Amino acid sequence: MAAPTFRSRTRAAAKPKPRGKAGAAAKAPAGKGKRTDAPHGRGKGKRESAKAAAPAKPAAPAKPAPRGPLGGKQRRYLRALGHHRHPVVLVGKDGVTEGLLGAVAKALEEHELIKVRVGDSAGDQHEIAAELARGARAELVQVIGRIALLYRRRDVEPTIVLP
């Protein structure tokens, strides 16, 4: 009877076992290699050679944050951020006044993104939200019911980075 052999504690030292006819090549995951021959004629062979022939594009320089109207992805991002916020400014029966615009401007400077609740007696919520955005030099992100979401990027150390 042969003497027992002790196995190494690490698998790296052990010899790999052969895997059928293909050996170690059968172990490679599908779609990971640069396969140029396809047995059924629908492989990546032609695409891979076309990619290799195309010149590489130089990296685009980083663009500064846009200062114009908000895009769709930016609005979606701001809506997600504003979902859990509570209204900071309330619009009463007097509507939009100088004092209210000052309060909105101060809140936007502190928070960048605020919710404004428009009271029932104030008038049409869409018109008031648009007027508040114009008066405070902010972007109107959305109006849902009587709640408006306003955004204005802070000039010094902005906390919200738009996508």
Protein backbone atom coordinates (compact mmCIF):
# COMPACT_ATOMS: atom_id res chain seq x y z
CA MET A 1 0.00 0.00 0.00
CA ALA A 2 1.27 3.45 -0.92
CA ALA A 3 2.09 6.06 1.70
CA PRO A 4 -0.51 8.84 2.02
CA THR A 5 0.41 12.17 0.42
CA PHE A 6 -0.43 15.51 1.90
CA ARG A 7 -2.10 18.19 -0.23
CA SER A 8 -0.90 21.73 -0.27
CA ARG A 9 -3.05 24.27 1.54
CA THR A 10 -3.20 26.52 -1.52
CA ARG A 11 -4.91 25.56 -4.74
CA ALA A 12 -2.36 27.48 -6.80
CA ALA A 13 0.30 24.90 -6.10
CA ALA A 14 -1.91 22.02 -7.25
CA LYS A 15 -1.86 20.96 -10.91
CA PRO A 16 -5.07 21.75 -12.82
CA LYS A 17 -7.03 18.70 -13.86
CA PRO A 18 -7.65 18.26 -17.60
CA ARG A 19 -11.22 19.03 -18.65
CA GLY A 20 -12.25 16.70 -21.40
CA LYS A 21 -10.88 17.11 -24.94
CA ALA A 22 -10.63 20.91 -24.93
CA GLY A 23 -8.57 21.17 -21.76
CA ALA A 24 -8.37 24.61 -20.14
CA ALA A 25 -9.95 26.36 -23.16
CA ALA A 26 -13.38 25.00 -22.20
CA LYS A 27 -13.09 26.84 -18.86
CA ALA A 28 -13.11 30.34 -20.44
CA PRO A 29 -16.48 32.08 -20.05
CA ALA A 30 -18.52 32.69 -23.18
CA GLY A 31 -18.18 36.10 -24.79
CA LYS A 32 -15.00 37.08 -22.95
CA GLY A 33 -12.37 36.12 -25.50
CA LYS A 34 -11.51 37.61 -28.88
CA ARG A 35 -13.03 34.87 -30.93
CA THR A 36 -12.79 35.42 -34.67
CA ASP A 37 -14.13 32.12 -35.95
CA ALA A 38 -17.72 31.19 -35.27
CA PRO A 39 -18.86 27.61 -35.90
CA HIS A 40 -22.39 28.73 -36.82
CA GLY A 41 -21.54 31.87 -38.79
CA ARG A 42 -23.06 34.38 -36.36
CA GLY A 43 -20.08 35.13 -34.15
CA LYS A 44 -18.29 38.34 -33.31
CA GLY A 45 -15.56 37.81 -35.89
CA LYS A 46 -16.51 40.60 -38.29
CA ARG A 47 -17.48 43.06 -35.57
CA GLU A 48 -14.24 42.59 -33.65
CA SER A 49 -12.15 43.20 -36.77
CA ALA A 50 -14.18 46.34 -37.56
CA LYS A 51 -13.59 47.64 -34.04
CA ALA A 52 -9.88 47.04 -34.29
CA ALA A 53 -9.68 48.95 -37.58
CA ALA A 54 -11.53 52.02 -36.25
CA PRO A 55 -9.24 54.68 -34.76
CA ALA A 56 -9.68 55.45 -31.07
CA LYS A 57 -11.47 58.69 -30.24
CA PRO A 58 -9.62 61.19 -28.06
CA ALA A 59 -11.12 61.79 -24.62
CA ALA A 60 -13.56 64.68 -24.56
CA PRO A 61 -12.64 67.55 -22.22
CA ALA A 62 -14.78 67.91 -19.10
CA LYS A 63 -17.69 70.28 -19.68
CA PRO A 64 -18.62 72.88 -17.09
CA ALA A 65 -22.07 72.70 -15.53
CA PRO A 66 -24.71 74.11 -17.89
CA ARG A 67 -26.24 77.41 -16.85
CA GLY A 68 -29.30 77.32 -19.09
CA PRO A 69 -32.59 75.48 -18.84
CA LEU A 70 -32.59 72.08 -17.22
CA GLY A 71 -32.51 68.92 -19.29
CA GLY A 72 -34.68 65.86 -18.77
CA LYS A 73 -32.15 63.85 -16.76
CA GLN A 74 -31.38 66.86 -14.61
CA ARG A 75 -35.08 67.44 -13.88
CA ARG A 76 -35.52 63.77 -13.01
CA TYR A 77 -32.52 63.92 -10.66
CA LEU A 78 -33.83 67.06 -8.94
CA ARG A 79 -37.33 65.57 -8.60
CA ALA A 80 -35.78 62.56 -6.87
CA LEU A 81 -33.83 64.81 -4.49
CA GLY A 82 -36.88 66.94 -3.75
CA HIS A 83 -39.19 64.01 -3.08
CA HIS A 84 -38.49 63.83 0.67
CA ARG A 85 -38.22 67.56 1.29
CA HIS A 86 -40.90 69.57 3.02
CA PRO A 87 -42.24 72.94 1.83
CA VAL A 88 -40.06 75.79 3.07
CA VAL A 89 -42.09 78.74 1.77
CA LEU A 90 -45.87 79.11 1.87
CA VAL A 91 -47.74 81.38 -0.56
CA GLY A 92 -50.82 82.90 1.06
CA LYS A 93 -53.84 84.85 -0.17
CA ASP A 94 -51.70 87.91 -1.05
CA GLY A 95 -49.93 85.93 -3.77
CA VAL A 96 -46.42 86.85 -4.91
CA THR A 97 -45.07 89.91 -3.05
CA GLU A 98 -41.61 91.44 -2.61
CA GLY A 99 -41.32 89.89 0.83
CA LEU A 100 -42.22 86.47 -0.53
CA LEU A 101 -39.63 86.78 -3.33
CA GLY A 102 -37.01 87.72 -0.72
CA ALA A 103 -37.93 84.66 1.37
CA VAL A 104 -37.71 82.39 -1.69
CA ALA A 105 -34.32 83.88 -2.68
CA LYS A 106 -32.96 83.39 0.84
CA ALA A 107 -34.24 79.79 0.99
CA LEU A 108 -32.72 79.03 -2.43
CA GLU A 109 -29.38 80.45 -1.31
CA GLU A 110 -29.42 78.15 1.73
CA HIS A 111 -30.82 74.97 0.18
CA GLU A 112 -30.51 75.26 -3.64
CA LEU A 113 -33.64 73.09 -4.02
CA ILE A 114 -36.86 74.06 -2.23
CA LYS A 115 -40.51 73.16 -2.17
CA VAL A 116 -43.10 75.93 -2.15
CA ARG A 117 -46.71 75.35 -1.11
CA VAL A 118 -49.27 77.51 -2.88
CA GLY A 119 -52.36 78.17 -0.77
CA ASP A 120 -55.88 77.59 -2.07
CA SER A 121 -56.76 81.29 -2.05
CA ALA A 122 -53.54 82.39 -3.81
CA GLY A 123 -54.73 81.64 -7.35
CA ASP A 124 -53.53 79.35 -10.13
CA GLN A 125 -50.58 77.32 -8.84
CA HIS A 126 -48.84 77.06 -12.23
CA GLU A 127 -48.88 80.82 -12.81
CA ILE A 128 -47.68 81.54 -9.27
CA ALA A 129 -44.89 78.94 -9.52
CA ALA A 130 -43.72 80.41 -12.84
CA GLU A 131 -43.82 83.93 -11.39
CA LEU A 132 -41.83 82.82 -8.32
CA ALA A 133 -39.21 81.16 -10.54
CA ARG A 134 -38.84 84.31 -12.66
CA GLY A 135 -38.70 86.62 -9.64
CA ALA A 136 -36.12 84.51 -7.81
CA ARG A 137 -34.07 83.72 -10.97
CA ALA A 138 -34.65 80.00 -10.38
CA GLU A 139 -35.64 77.00 -12.48
CA LEU A 140 -39.10 75.56 -12.03
CA VAL A 141 -38.49 71.83 -11.76
CA GLN A 142 -42.08 70.64 -11.35
CA VAL A 143 -45.54 71.49 -10.05
CA ILE A 144 -47.60 68.72 -8.49
CA GLY A 145 -50.92 69.79 -7.09
CA ARG A 146 -50.23 72.89 -5.02
CA ILE A 147 -46.54 72.10 -4.43
CA ALA A 148 -43.84 73.64 -6.64
CA LEU A 149 -40.20 72.57 -6.72
CA LEU A 150 -37.65 75.33 -7.45
CA TYR A 151 -33.90 75.02 -8.08
CA ARG A 152 -31.17 77.63 -8.29
CA ARG A 153 -27.51 76.65 -8.35
CA ARG A 154 -25.46 78.30 -5.64
CA ASP A 155 -22.56 80.32 -7.03
CA VAL A 156 -20.24 79.56 -4.09
CA GLU A 157 -19.79 75.90 -3.14
CA PRO A 158 -22.86 74.28 -4.73
CA THR A 159 -24.01 71.18 -2.86
CA ILE A 160 -26.08 69.65 -5.67
CA VAL A 161 -24.10 68.38 -8.65
CA LEU A 162 -26.32 67.82 -11.67
CA PRO A 163 -25.73 64.82 -13.96
